[in-house]
PDB file of N, CA and C in Angstrom:
ATOM      1  N   MET A   1     124.336  79.392  84.804  1.00  0.00           N
ATOM      2  CA  MET A   1     124.271  80.682  84.208  1.00  0.00           C
ATOM      3  C   MET A   1     125.243  80.710  83.034  1.00  0.00           C
ATOM      4  N   PRO A   2     124.885  81.311  81.925  1.00  0.00           N
ATOM      5  CA  PRO A   2     125.763  81.316  80.768  1.00  0.00           C
ATOM      6  C   PRO A   2     126.951  82.263  81.025  1.00  0.00           C
ATOM      7  N   PRO A   3     128.013  82.083  80.241  1.00  0.00           N
ATOM      8  CA  PRO A   3     129.166  82.938  80.410  1.00  0.00           C
ATOM      9  C   PRO A   3     128.788  84.414  80.168  1.00  0.00           C
ATOM     10  N   GLU A   4     129.557  85.330  80.782  1.00  0.00           N
ATOM     11  CA  GLU A   4     129.276  86.754  80.584  1.00  0.00           C
ATOM     12  C   GLU A   4     129.244  87.079  79.084  1.00  0.00           C
ATOM     13  N   GLY A   5     128.323  87.899  78.682  1.00  0.00           N
ATOM     14  CA  GLY A   5     128.239  88.297  77.283  1.00  0.00           C
ATOM     15  C   GLY A   5     127.390  87.375  76.442  1.00  0.00           C
ATOM     16  N   GLN A   6     127.005  86.209  76.944  1.00  0.00           N
ATOM     17  CA  GLN A   6     126.184  85.282  76.227  1.00  0.00           C
ATOM     18  C   GLN A   6     124.744  85.470  76.662  1.00  0.00           C
ATOM     19  N   PRO A   7     123.770  85.270  75.767  1.00  0.00           N
ATOM     20  CA  PRO A   7     122.371  85.416  76.190  1.00  0.00           C
ATOM     21  C   PRO A   7     121.994  84.319  77.195  1.00  0.00           C
ATOM     22  N   TYR A   8     120.997  84.652  78.006  1.00  0.00           N
ATOM     23  CA  TYR A   8     120.472  83.688  78.958  1.00  0.00           C
ATOM     24  C   TYR A   8     119.667  82.652  78.191  1.00  0.00           C
ATOM     25  N   ALA A   9     119.312  81.552  78.849  1.00  0.00           N
ATOM     26  CA  ALA A   9     118.578  80.472  78.214  1.00  0.00           C
ATOM     27  C   ALA A   9     117.240  80.974  77.669  1.00  0.00           C
ATOM     28  N   ASP A  10     116.665  82.016  78.277  1.00  0.00           N
ATOM     29  CA  ASP A  10     115.386  82.512  77.814  1.00  0.00           C
ATOM     30  C   ASP A  10     115.566  83.624  76.759  1.00  0.00           C
ATOM     31  N   GLY A  11     116.797  83.819  76.300  1.00  0.00           N
ATOM     32  CA  GLY A  11     117.058  84.793  75.254  1.00  0.00           C
ATOM     33  C   GLY A  11     117.411  86.192  75.713  1.00  0.00           C
ATOM     34  N   ARG A  12     117.294  86.462  77.034  1.00  0.00           N
ATOM     35  CA  ARG A  12     117.639  87.796  77.535  1.00  0.00           C
ATOM     36  C   ARG A  12     119.156  87.976  77.413  1.00  0.00           C
ATOM     37  N   GLN A  13     119.560  89.220  77.235  1.00  0.00           N
ATOM     38  CA  GLN A  13     120.967  89.560  77.216  1.00  0.00           C
ATOM     39  C   GLN A  13     121.421  89.960  78.610  1.00  0.00           C
ATOM     40  N   PRO A  14     122.658  89.676  79.016  1.00  0.00           N
ATOM     41  CA  PRO A  14     123.151  90.117  80.329  1.00  0.00           C
ATOM     42  C   PRO A  14     123.103  91.641  80.386  1.00  0.00           C
ATOM     43  N   ASP A  15     122.829  92.170  81.546  1.00  0.00           N
ATOM     44  CA  ASP A  15     122.769  93.588  81.772  1.00  0.00           C
ATOM     45  C   ASP A  15     124.195  94.155  81.772  1.00  0.00           C
ATOM     46  N   GLU A  16     124.473  95.033  80.827  1.00  0.00           N
ATOM     47  CA  GLU A  16     125.833  95.574  80.740  1.00  0.00           C
ATOM     48  C   GLU A  16     126.205  96.432  81.929  1.00  0.00           C
ATOM     49  N   ASP A  17     125.225  96.992  82.638  1.00  0.00           N
ATOM     50  CA  ASP A  17     125.493  97.829  83.788  1.00  0.00           C
ATOM     51  C   ASP A  17     125.805  97.046  85.049  1.00  0.00           C
ATOM     52  N   ARG A  18     125.468  95.779  85.071  1.00  0.00           N
ATOM     53  CA  ARG A  18     125.711  94.988  86.273  1.00  0.00           C
ATOM     54  C   ARG A  18     127.160  94.520  86.275  1.00  0.00           C
ATOM     55  N   PRO A  19     127.747  94.402  87.502  1.00  0.00           N
ATOM     56  CA  PRO A  19     129.112  93.911  87.574  1.00  0.00           C
ATOM     57  C   PRO A  19     129.156  92.436  87.213  1.00  0.00           C
ATOM     58  N   PRO A  20     130.341  91.882  86.874  1.00  0.00           N
ATOM     59  CA  PRO A  20     130.432  90.465  86.585  1.00  0.00           C
ATOM     60  C   PRO A  20     129.928  89.618  87.750  1.00  0.00           C
ATOM     61  N   VAL A  21     129.542  88.413  87.458  1.00  0.00           N
ATOM     62  CA  VAL A  21     128.947  87.537  88.477  1.00  0.00           C
ATOM     63  C   VAL A  21     129.871  87.369  89.661  1.00  0.00           C
ATOM     64  N   ALA A  22     131.155  87.141  89.466  1.00  0.00           N
ATOM     65  CA  ALA A  22     132.101  86.967  90.592  1.00  0.00           C
ATOM     66  C   ALA A  22     132.069  88.187  91.521  1.00  0.00           C
ATOM     67  N   ASP A  23     131.978  89.387  90.964  1.00  0.00           N
ATOM     68  CA  ASP A  23     131.942  90.593  91.791  1.00  0.00           C
ATOM     69  C   ASP A  23     130.657  90.651  92.619  1.00  0.00           C
ATOM     70  N   ARG A  24     129.562  90.232  92.049  1.00  0.00           N
ATOM     71  CA  ARG A  24     128.285  90.215  92.776  1.00  0.00           C
ATOM     72  C   ARG A  24     128.313  89.213  93.918  1.00  0.00           C
ATOM     73  N   LEU A  25     128.965  88.081  93.713  1.00  0.00           N
ATOM     74  CA  LEU A  25     129.020  87.071  94.753  1.00  0.00           C
ATOM     75  C   LEU A  25     129.882  87.548  95.939  1.00  0.00           C
ATOM     76  N   ASP A  26     130.843  88.427  95.696  1.00  0.00           N
ATOM     77  CA  ASP A  26     131.673  88.965  96.752  1.00  0.00           C
ATOM     78  C   ASP A  26     131.012  90.142  97.458  1.00  0.00           C
ATOM     79  N   ASP A  27     129.909  90.611  96.880  1.00  0.00           N
ATOM     80  CA  ASP A  27     129.200  91.767  97.425  1.00  0.00           C
ATOM     81  C   ASP A  27     128.364  91.354  98.621  1.00  0.00           C
ATOM     82  N   ASP A  28     128.655  91.927  99.804  1.00  0.00           N
ATOM     83  CA  ASP A  28     127.968  91.562 101.032  1.00  0.00           C
ATOM     84  C   ASP A  28     126.487  91.937 100.992  1.00  0.00           C
ATOM     85  N   HIS A  29     126.084  92.799 100.092  1.00  0.00           N
ATOM     86  CA  HIS A  29     124.714  93.266 100.013  1.00  0.00           C
ATOM     87  C   HIS A  29     123.955  92.658  98.821  1.00  0.00           C
ATOM     88  N   PHE A  30     124.568  91.733  98.105  1.00  0.00           N
ATOM     89  CA  PHE A  30     123.899  91.098  96.971  1.00  0.00           C
ATOM     90  C   PHE A  30     122.880  90.089  97.493  1.00  0.00           C
ATOM     91  N   PRO A  31     121.601  90.193  97.121  1.00  0.00           N
ATOM     92  CA  PRO A  31     120.560  89.327  97.647  1.00  0.00           C
ATOM     93  C   PRO A  31     120.618  87.923  97.037  1.00  0.00           C
ATOM     94  N   ALA A  32     121.481  87.086  97.545  1.00  0.00           N
ATOM     95  CA  ALA A  32     121.718  85.767  96.944  1.00  0.00           C
ATOM     96  C   ALA A  32     120.930  84.642  97.566  1.00  0.00           C
ATOM     97  N   TYR A  33     120.274  84.869  98.699  1.00  0.00           N
ATOM     98  CA  TYR A  33     119.659  83.770  99.421  1.00  0.00           C
ATOM     99  C   TYR A  33     118.154  83.865  99.440  1.00  0.00           C
ATOM    100  N   THR A  34     117.504  82.726  99.106  1.00  0.00           N
ATOM    101  CA  THR A  34     116.059  82.616  99.208  1.00  0.00           C
ATOM    102  C   THR A  34     115.650  82.614 100.672  1.00  0.00           C
ATOM    103  N   MET A  35     114.369  82.825 100.935  1.00  0.00           N
ATOM    104  CA  MET A  35     113.893  82.815 102.305  1.00  0.00           C
ATOM    105  C   MET A  35     114.192  81.461 102.997  1.00  0.00           C
ATOM    106  N   GLY A  36     113.933  80.373 102.323  1.00  0.00           N
ATOM    107  CA  GLY A  36     114.150  79.060 102.903  1.00  0.00           C
ATOM    108  C   GLY A  36     115.595  78.833 103.260  1.00  0.00           C
ATOM    109  N   ARG A  37     116.484  79.180 102.330  1.00  0.00           N
ATOM    110  CA  ARG A  37     117.934  79.019 102.604  1.00  0.00           C
ATOM    111  C   ARG A  37     118.374  79.974 103.692  1.00  0.00           C
ATOM    112  N   ALA A  38     117.891  81.199 103.673  1.00  0.00           N
ATOM    113  CA  ALA A  38     118.273  82.186 104.694  1.00  0.00           C
ATOM    114  C   ALA A  38     117.815  81.692 106.091  1.00  0.00           C
ATOM    115  N   ALA A  39     116.631  81.212 106.170  1.00  0.00           N
ATOM    116  CA  ALA A  39     116.104  80.701 107.442  1.00  0.00           C
ATOM    117  C   ALA A  39     116.951  79.532 107.932  1.00  0.00           C
ATOM    118  N   GLU A  40     117.314  78.651 107.034  1.00  0.00           N
ATOM    119  CA  GLU A  40     118.139  77.528 107.369  1.00  0.00           C
ATOM    120  C   GLU A  40     119.506  77.968 107.885  1.00  0.00           C
ATOM    121  N   LEU A  41     120.159  78.925 107.193  1.00  0.00           N
ATOM    122  CA  LEU A  41     121.459  79.399 107.597  1.00  0.00           C
ATOM    123  C   LEU A  41     121.429  80.094 108.956  1.00  0.00           C
ATOM    124  N   VAL A  42     120.361  80.848 109.239  1.00  0.00           N
ATOM    125  CA  VAL A  42     120.202  81.602 110.460  1.00  0.00           C
ATOM    126  C   VAL A  42     119.782  80.666 111.604  1.00  0.00           C
ATOM    127  N   GLY A  43     119.168  79.545 111.266  1.00  0.00           N
ATOM    128  CA  GLY A  43     118.634  78.632 112.278  1.00  0.00           C
ATOM    129  C   GLY A  43     117.296  79.134 112.797  1.00  0.00           C
ATOM    130  N   ALA A  44     116.520  79.721 111.909  1.00  0.00           N
ATOM    131  CA  ALA A  44     115.248  80.303 112.316  1.00  0.00           C
ATOM    132  C   ALA A  44     114.196  79.809 111.319  1.00  0.00           C
ATOM    133  N   THR A  45     112.992  80.329 111.529  1.00  0.00           N
ATOM    134  CA  THR A  45     111.894  79.995 110.631  1.00  0.00           C
ATOM    135  C   THR A  45     111.646  81.143 109.645  1.00  0.00           C
ATOM    136  N   PRO A  46     111.019  80.885 108.517  1.00  0.00           N
ATOM    137  CA  PRO A  46     110.654  81.984 107.635  1.00  0.00           C
ATOM    138  C   PRO A  46     109.776  83.049 108.351  1.00  0.00           C
ATOM    139  N   ALA A  47     108.964  82.615 109.275  1.00  0.00           N
ATOM    140  CA  ALA A  47     108.104  83.580 110.033  1.00  0.00           C
ATOM    141  C   ALA A  47     109.004  84.559 110.814  1.00  0.00           C
ATOM    142  N   PHE A  48     110.103  84.030 111.384  1.00  0.00           N
ATOM    143  CA  PHE A  48     111.032  84.897 112.120  1.00  0.00           C
ATOM    144  C   PHE A  48     111.633  85.950 111.191  1.00  0.00           C
ATOM    145  N   LEU A  49     112.027  85.541 110.016  1.00  0.00           N
ATOM    146  CA  LEU A  49     112.587  86.500 109.044  1.00  0.00           C
ATOM    147  C   LEU A  49     111.563  87.527 108.634  1.00  0.00           C
ATOM    148  N   ARG A  50     110.297  87.079 108.439  1.00  0.00           N
ATOM    149  CA  ARG A  50     109.238  88.019 108.135  1.00  0.00           C
ATOM    150  C   ARG A  50     109.048  89.031 109.286  1.00  0.00           C
ATOM    151  N   ALA A  51     109.131  88.543 110.526  1.00  0.00           N
ATOM    152  CA  ALA A  51     108.983  89.410 111.694  1.00  0.00           C
ATOM    153  C   ALA A  51     110.068  90.471 111.716  1.00  0.00           C
ATOM    154  N   LEU A  52     111.284  90.091 111.310  1.00  0.00           N
ATOM    155  CA  LEU A  52     112.387  91.051 111.270  1.00  0.00           C
ATOM    156  C   LEU A  52     112.139  92.106 110.202  1.00  0.00           C
ATOM    157  N   GLY A  53     111.514  91.663 109.119  1.00  0.00           N
ATOM    158  CA  GLY A  53     111.121  92.617 108.074  1.00  0.00           C
ATOM    159  C   GLY A  53     110.050  93.572 108.560  1.00  0.00           C
ATOM    160  N   GLU A  54     109.068  93.057 109.274  1.00  0.00           N
ATOM    161  CA  GLU A  54     107.991  93.890 109.801  1.00  0.00           C
ATOM    162  C   GLU A  54     108.519  94.912 110.808  1.00  0.00           C
ATOM    163  N   ALA A  55     109.555  94.460 111.547  1.00  0.00           N
ATOM    164  CA  ALA A  55     110.183  95.361 112.554  1.00  0.00           C
ATOM    165  C   ALA A  55     111.185  96.326 111.869  1.00  0.00           C
ATOM    166  N   ARG A  56     111.366  96.162 110.566  1.00  0.00           N
ATOM    167  CA  ARG A  56     112.230  97.000 109.743  1.00  0.00           C
ATOM    168  C   ARG A  56     113.716  96.872 110.076  1.00  0.00           C
ATOM    169  N   LEU A  57     114.098  95.717 110.600  1.00  0.00           N
ATOM    170  CA  LEU A  57     115.528  95.461 110.797  1.00  0.00           C
ATOM    171  C   LEU A  57     116.158  95.133 109.449  1.00  0.00           C
ATOM    172  N   ILE A  58     115.503  94.311 108.674  1.00  0.00           N
ATOM    173  CA  ILE A  58     115.979  93.944 107.353  1.00  0.00           C
ATOM    174  C   ILE A  58     114.845  94.090 106.353  1.00  0.00           C
ATOM    175  N   THR A  59     115.187  94.525 105.175  1.00  0.00           N
ATOM    176  CA  THR A  59     114.178  94.654 104.081  1.00  0.00           C
ATOM    177  C   THR A  59     114.721  93.848 102.908  1.00  0.00           C
ATOM    178  N   PRO A  60     114.230  92.613 102.756  1.00  0.00           N
ATOM    179  CA  PRO A  60     114.739  91.778 101.689  1.00  0.00           C
ATOM    180  C   PRO A  60     114.372  92.344 100.323  1.00  0.00           C
ATOM    181  N   MET A  61     115.234  92.059  99.354  1.00  0.00           N
ATOM    182  CA  MET A  61     114.922  92.406  97.964  1.00  0.00           C
ATOM    183  C   MET A  61     113.891  91.390  97.492  1.00  0.00           C
ATOM    184  N   ARG A  62     113.285  91.682  96.374  1.00  0.00           N
ATOM    185  CA  ARG A  62     112.287  90.772  95.783  1.00  0.00           C
ATOM    186  C   ARG A  62     112.753  90.330  94.412  1.00  0.00           C
ATOM    187  N   SER A  63     112.585  89.050  94.144  1.00  0.00           N
ATOM    188  CA  SER A  63     112.894  88.510  92.843  1.00  0.00           C
ATOM    189  C   SER A  63     111.808  89.012  91.890  1.00  0.00           C
ATOM    190  N   ARG A  64     111.989  88.745  90.612  1.00  0.00           N
ATOM    191  CA  ARG A  64     110.957  89.140  89.639  1.00  0.00           C
ATOM    192  C   ARG A  64     109.624  88.488  89.927  1.00  0.00           C
ATOM    193  N   GLY A  65     109.680  87.326  90.532  1.00  0.00           N
ATOM    194  CA  GLY A  65     108.447  86.594  90.891  1.00  0.00           C
ATOM    195  C   GLY A  65     107.867  87.021  92.248  1.00  0.00           C
ATOM    196  N   GLY A  66     108.535  87.949  92.919  1.00  0.00           N
ATOM    197  CA  GLY A  66     108.027  88.471  94.180  1.00  0.00           C
ATOM    198  C   GLY A  66     108.557  87.761  95.399  1.00  0.00           C
ATOM    199  N   HIS A  67     109.492  86.815  95.227  1.00  0.00           N
ATOM    200  CA  HIS A  67     110.023  86.077  96.377  1.00  0.00           C
ATOM    201  C   HIS A  67     111.100  86.877  97.079  1.00  0.00           C
ATOM    202  N   ARG A  68     111.158  86.752  98.410  1.00  0.00           N
ATOM    203  CA  ARG A  68     112.134  87.467  99.186  1.00  0.00           C
ATOM    204  C   ARG A  68     113.525  86.891  98.933  1.00  0.00           C
ATOM    205  N   ARG A  69     114.542  87.806  98.833  1.00  0.00           N
ATOM    206  CA  ARG A  69     115.922  87.429  98.655  1.00  0.00           C
ATOM    207  C   ARG A  69     116.772  88.228  99.697  1.00  0.00           C
ATOM    208  N   TYR A  70     117.665  87.501 100.370  1.00  0.00           N
ATOM    209  CA  TYR A  70     118.451  88.108 101.449  1.00  0.00           C
ATOM    210  C   TYR A  70     119.944  88.117 101.133  1.00  0.00           C
ATOM    211  N   SER A  71     120.626  89.131 101.629  1.00  0.00           N
ATOM    212  CA  SER A  71     122.064  89.240 101.462  1.00  0.00           C
ATOM    213  C   SER A  71     122.789  88.679 102.713  1.00  0.00           C
ATOM    214  N   ARG A  72     124.101  88.499 102.569  1.00  0.00           N
ATOM    215  CA  ARG A  72     124.881  88.020 103.723  1.00  0.00           C
ATOM    216  C   ARG A  72     124.792  89.021 104.849  1.00  0.00           C
ATOM    217  N   HIS A  73     124.837  90.309 104.545  1.00  0.00           N
ATOM    218  CA  HIS A  73     124.734  91.353 105.572  1.00  0.00           C
ATOM    219  C   HIS A  73     123.420  91.160 106.349  1.00  0.00           C
ATOM    220  N   GLN A  74     122.349  90.976 105.618  1.00  0.00           N
ATOM    221  CA  GLN A  74     121.040  90.804 106.294  1.00  0.00           C
ATOM    222  C   GLN A  74     121.017  89.511 107.122  1.00  0.00           C
ATOM    223  N   LEU A  75     121.687  88.469 106.643  1.00  0.00           N
ATOM    224  CA  LEU A  75     121.744  87.217 107.407  1.00  0.00           C
ATOM    225  C   LEU A  75     122.506  87.418 108.737  1.00  0.00           C
ATOM    226  N   ARG A  76     123.555  88.207 108.686  1.00  0.00           N
ATOM    227  CA  ARG A  76     124.289  88.478 109.913  1.00  0.00           C
ATOM    228  C   ARG A  76     123.412  89.207 110.906  1.00  0.00           C
ATOM    229  N   LEU A  77     122.663  90.179 110.431  1.00  0.00           N
ATOM    230  CA  LEU A  77     121.727  90.919 111.311  1.00  0.00           C
ATOM    231  C   LEU A  77     120.653  89.972 111.877  1.00  0.00           C
ATOM    232  N   ALA A  78     120.146  89.104 111.020  1.00  0.00           N
ATOM    233  CA  ALA A  78     119.129  88.148 111.488  1.00  0.00           C
ATOM    234  C   ALA A  78     119.684  87.183 112.505  1.00  0.00           C
ATOM    235  N   ALA A  79     120.942  86.747 112.278  1.00  0.00           N
ATOM    236  CA  ALA A  79     121.566  85.814 113.232  1.00  0.00           C
ATOM    237  C   ALA A  79     121.754  86.501 114.589  1.00  0.00           C
ATOM    238  N   ARG A  80     122.158  87.762 114.570  1.00  0.00           N
ATOM    239  CA  ARG A  80     122.323  88.531 115.826  1.00  0.00           C
ATOM    240  C   ARG A  80     120.959  88.663 116.515  1.00  0.00           C
ATOM    241  N   ALA A  81     119.926  88.928 115.751  1.00  0.00           N
ATOM    242  CA  ALA A  81     118.584  89.024 116.316  1.00  0.00           C
ATOM    243  C   ALA A  81     118.173  87.699 116.945  1.00  0.00           C
ATOM    244  N   ARG A  82     118.500  86.645 116.278  1.00  0.00           N
ATOM    245  CA  ARG A  82     118.150  85.293 116.812  1.00  0.00           C
ATOM    246  C   ARG A  82     118.853  85.054 118.116  1.00  0.00           C
ATOM    247  N   GLU A  83     120.123  85.460 118.219  1.00  0.00           N
ATOM    248  CA  GLU A  83     120.856  85.310 119.507  1.00  0.00           C
ATOM    249  C   GLU A  83     120.129  86.049 120.630  1.00  0.00           C
ATOM    250  N   LEU A  84     119.756  87.297 120.360  1.00  0.00           N
ATOM    251  CA  LEU A  84     119.097  88.092 121.384  1.00  0.00           C
ATOM    252  C   LEU A  84     117.715  87.518 121.791  1.00  0.00           C
ATOM    253  N   VAL A  85     116.973  87.087 120.758  1.00  0.00           N
ATOM    254  CA  VAL A  85     115.664  86.518 121.040  1.00  0.00           C
ATOM    255  C   VAL A  85     115.817  85.205 121.838  1.00  0.00           C
ATOM    256  N   ASP A  86     116.805  84.415 121.485  1.00  0.00           N
ATOM    257  CA  ASP A  86     117.067  83.173 122.240  1.00  0.00           C
ATOM    258  C   ASP A  86     117.400  83.450 123.705  1.00  0.00           C
ATOM    259  N   GLN A  87     117.931  84.663 123.970  1.00  0.00           N
ATOM    260  CA  GLN A  87     118.288  85.072 125.345  1.00  0.00           C
ATOM    261  C   GLN A  87     117.095  85.696 126.072  1.00  0.00           C
ATOM    262  N   GLY A  88     115.936  85.753 125.389  1.00  0.00           N
ATOM    263  CA  GLY A  88     114.736  86.265 126.046  1.00  0.00           C
ATOM    264  C   GLY A  88     114.364  87.689 125.677  1.00  0.00           C
ATOM    265  N   THR A  89     115.067  88.314 124.744  1.00  0.00           N
ATOM    266  CA  THR A  89     114.777  89.681 124.311  1.00  0.00           C
ATOM    267  C   THR A  89     113.596  89.620 123.316  1.00  0.00           C
ATOM    268  N   PRO A  90     112.599  90.476 123.487  1.00  0.00           N
ATOM    269  CA  PRO A  90     111.522  90.519 122.498  1.00  0.00           C
ATOM    270  C   PRO A  90     112.042  90.940 121.138  1.00  0.00           C
ATOM    271  N   VAL A  91     111.404  90.471 120.092  1.00  0.00           N
ATOM    272  CA  VAL A  91     111.872  90.716 118.704  1.00  0.00           C
ATOM    273  C   VAL A  91     112.033  92.243 118.459  1.00  0.00           C
ATOM    274  N   ASP A  92     111.035  93.051 118.791  1.00  0.00           N
ATOM    275  CA  ASP A  92     111.127  94.486 118.574  1.00  0.00           C
ATOM    276  C   ASP A  92     112.308  95.118 119.283  1.00  0.00           C
ATOM    277  N   ALA A  93     112.540  94.683 120.536  1.00  0.00           N
ATOM    278  CA  ALA A  93     113.684  95.208 121.303  1.00  0.00           C
ATOM    279  C   ALA A  93     114.999  94.723 120.698  1.00  0.00           C
ATOM    280  N   ALA A  94     115.051  93.487 120.276  1.00  0.00           N
ATOM    281  CA  ALA A  94     116.267  92.972 119.625  1.00  0.00           C
ATOM    282  C   ALA A  94     116.599  93.770 118.373  1.00  0.00           C
ATOM    283  N   CYS A  95     115.587  94.086 117.599  1.00  0.00           N
ATOM    284  CA  CYS A  95     115.771  94.862 116.367  1.00  0.00           C
ATOM    285  C   CYS A  95     116.307  96.237 116.690  1.00  0.00           C
ATOM    286  N   ARG A  96     115.767  96.844 117.717  1.00  0.00           N
ATOM    287  CA  ARG A  96     116.233  98.182 118.123  1.00  0.00           C
ATOM    288  C   ARG A  96     117.699  98.142 118.595  1.00  0.00           C
ATOM    289  N   ILE A  97     118.020  97.129 119.397  1.00  0.00           N
ATOM    290  CA  ILE A  97     119.407  96.954 119.868  1.00  0.00           C
ATOM    291  C   ILE A  97     120.360  96.846 118.712  1.00  0.00           C
ATOM    292  N   ILE A  98     119.991  95.989 117.761  1.00  0.00           N
ATOM    293  CA  ILE A  98     120.873  95.762 116.590  1.00  0.00           C
ATOM    294  C   ILE A  98     121.000  96.999 115.763  1.00  0.00           C
ATOM    295  N   SER A  99     119.921  97.731 115.590  1.00  0.00           N
ATOM    296  CA  SER A  99     119.958  99.000 114.830  1.00  0.00           C
ATOM    297  C   SER A  99     120.928  99.974 115.483  1.00  0.00           C
ATOM    298  N   LEU A 100     120.831 100.071 116.800  1.00  0.00           N
ATOM    299  CA  LEU A 100     121.744 100.978 117.536  1.00  0.00           C
ATOM    300  C   LEU A 100     123.175 100.503 117.480  1.00  0.00           C
ATOM    301  N   GLU A 101     123.390  99.185 117.570  1.00  0.00           N
ATOM    302  CA  GLU A 101     124.750  98.667 117.470  1.00  0.00           C
ATOM    303  C   GLU A 101     125.335  98.975 116.095  1.00  0.00           C
ATOM    304  N   ASP A 102     124.520  98.816 115.058  1.00  0.00           N
ATOM    305  CA  ASP A 102     124.949  99.093 113.696  1.00  0.00           C
ATOM    306  C   ASP A 102     125.288 100.560 113.518  1.00  0.00           C
ATOM    307  N   ARG A 103     124.472 101.449 114.051  1.00  0.00           N
ATOM    308  CA  ARG A 103     124.735 102.901 113.949  1.00  0.00           C
ATOM    309  C   ARG A 103     125.999 103.254 114.698  1.00  0.00           C
ATOM    310  N   LEU A 104     126.246 102.665 115.865  1.00  0.00           N
ATOM    311  CA  LEU A 104     127.454 102.916 116.619  1.00  0.00           C
ATOM    312  C   LEU A 104     128.673 102.445 115.859  1.00  0.00           C
ATOM    313  N   GLU A 105     128.623 101.265 115.278  1.00  0.00           N
ATOM    314  CA  GLU A 105     129.719 100.747 114.500  1.00  0.00           C
ATOM    315  C   GLU A 105     130.065 101.652 113.344  1.00  0.00           C
ATOM    316  N   ARG A 106     129.042 102.109 112.633  1.00  0.00           N
ATOM    317  CA  ARG A 106     129.269 103.034 111.490  1.00  0.00           C
ATOM    318  C   ARG A 106     129.882 104.349 111.965  1.00  0.00           C
ATOM    319  N   ALA A 107     129.413 104.893 113.086  1.00  0.00           N
ATOM    320  CA  ALA A 107     129.968 106.139 113.622  1.00  0.00           C
ATOM    321  C   ALA A 107     131.403 105.952 114.035  1.00  0.00           C
ATOM    322  N   GLU A 108     131.706 104.822 114.682  1.00  0.00           N
ATOM    323  CA  GLU A 108     133.096 104.575 115.068  1.00  0.00           C
ATOM    324  C   GLU A 108     134.013 104.440 113.889  1.00  0.00           C
ATOM    325  N   ARG A 109     133.523 103.799 112.790  1.00  0.00           N
ATOM    326  CA  ARG A 109     134.315 103.680 111.561  1.00  0.00           C
ATOM    327  C   ARG A 109     134.570 105.056 110.968  1.00  0.00           C
ATOM    328  N   ALA A 110     133.522 105.862 110.909  1.00  0.00           N
ATOM    329  CA  ALA A 110     133.660 107.196 110.332  1.00  0.00           C
ATOM    330  C   ALA A 110     134.618 108.023 111.155  1.00  0.00           C
ATOM    331  N   ASN A 111     134.534 107.956 112.479  1.00  0.00           N
ATOM    332  CA  ASN A 111     135.483 108.695 113.327  1.00  0.00           C
ATOM    333  C   ASN A 111     136.945 108.236 113.099  1.00  0.00           C
ATOM    334  N   GLU A 112     137.110 106.948 112.951  1.00  0.00           N
ATOM    335  CA  GLU A 112     138.481 106.415 112.721  1.00  0.00           C
ATOM    336  C   GLU A 112     138.995 106.930 111.384  1.00  0.00           C
ATOM    337  N   GLU A 113     138.138 106.917 110.367  1.00  0.00           N
ATOM    338  CA  GLU A 113     138.576 107.402 109.060  1.00  0.00           C
ATOM    339  C   GLU A 113     138.940 108.909 109.134  1.00  0.00           C
ATOM    340  N   LEU A 114     138.167 109.660 109.879  1.00  0.00           N
ATOM    341  CA  LEU A 114     138.473 111.081 110.047  1.00  0.00           C
ATOM    342  C   LEU A 114     139.796 111.262 110.795  1.00  0.00           C
ATOM    343  N   ARG A 115     140.026 110.494 111.787  1.00  0.00           N
ATOM    344  CA  ARG A 115     141.293 110.558 112.530  1.00  0.00           C
ATOM    345  C   ARG A 115     142.477 110.271 111.651  1.00  0.00           C
ATOM    346  N   ARG A 116     142.356 109.241 110.805  1.00  0.00           N
ATOM    347  CA  ARG A 116     143.455 108.873 109.915  1.00  0.00           C
ATOM    348  C   ARG A 116     143.696 109.950 108.874  1.00  0.00           C
ATOM    349  N   SER A 117     142.627 110.475 108.283  1.00  0.00           N
ATOM    350  CA  SER A 117     142.807 111.429 107.195  1.00  0.00           C
ATOM    351  C   SER A 117     143.128 112.839 107.715  1.00  0.00           C
ATOM    352  N   ASP A 118     142.788 113.098 108.973  1.00  0.00           N
ATOM    353  CA  ASP A 118     142.930 114.442 109.530  1.00  0.00           C
ATOM    354  C   ASP A 118     144.118 114.535 110.518  1.00  0.00           C
ATOM    355  N   GLY A 119     144.804 113.419 110.727  1.00  0.00           N
ATOM    356  CA  GLY A 119     145.880 113.434 111.703  1.00  0.00           C
ATOM    357  C   GLY A 119     145.353 113.535 113.134  1.00  0.00           C
ATOM    358  N   GLY A 120     144.091 113.294 113.372  1.00  0.00           N
ATOM    359  CA  GLY A 120     143.534 113.281 114.718  1.00  0.00           C
ATOM    360  C   GLY A 120     143.054 114.635 115.196  1.00  0.00           C
ATOM    361  N   ALA A 121     143.204 115.686 114.393  1.00  0.00           N
ATOM    362  CA  ALA A 121     142.739 117.020 114.848  1.00  0.00           C
ATOM    363  C   ALA A 121     141.235 117.135 114.747  1.00  0.00           C
ATOM    364  N   ALA A 122     140.653 117.689 115.768  1.00  0.00           N
ATOM    365  CA  ALA A 122     139.198 117.918 115.759  1.00  0.00           C
ATOM    366  C   ALA A 122     138.924 119.149 114.901  1.00  0.00           C
ATOM    367  N   PRO A 123     137.737 119.208 114.263  1.00  0.00           N
ATOM    368  CA  PRO A 123     137.427 120.355 113.419  1.00  0.00           C
ATOM    369  C   PRO A 123     137.515 121.663 114.204  1.00  0.00           C
ATOM    370  N   GLY A 124     138.162 122.647 113.602  1.00  0.00           N
ATOM    371  CA  GLY A 124     138.301 123.949 114.237  1.00  0.00           C
ATOM    372  C   GLY A 124     139.485 124.048 115.218  1.00  0.00           C
ATOM    373  N   TYR A 125     140.239 122.980 115.339  1.00  0.00           N
ATOM    374  CA  TYR A 125     141.366 123.002 116.295  1.00  0.00           C
ATOM    375  C   TYR A 125     142.687 122.738 115.599  1.00  0.00           C
ATOM    376  N   ARG A 126     142.874 123.196 114.395  1.00  0.00           N
ATOM    377  CA  ARG A 126     144.109 122.942 113.657  1.00  0.00           C
ATOM    378  C   ARG A 126     145.121 123.997 113.923  1.00  0.00           C
TER     379      ARG A 126
END
């Protein structure tokens, strides 16, 4: 990839609204992995990743050519699904479990942030 501010090999200019490349690589939600690489990292098949997409656990981004691209966050979800499926859980049930685990984790984080910012007082009890 050319240095920031330089045109790409095909003559396109870098998008000024996009963060620098280093920042995108640190972004857990940046779709950096192709389907083949994602499947390899997760230890699954491309068909397994497609099944997770059909179950709406992960929705890969698409390249300009229409190829699926996965983020590190999506790979972690897929790896967790693979663990559950390897233990005998059906794919649809594994996706539901992971979805609920994710919602619980977000709710716990939000509660912790509220406790820190609010001094632990519940709404209406100050």
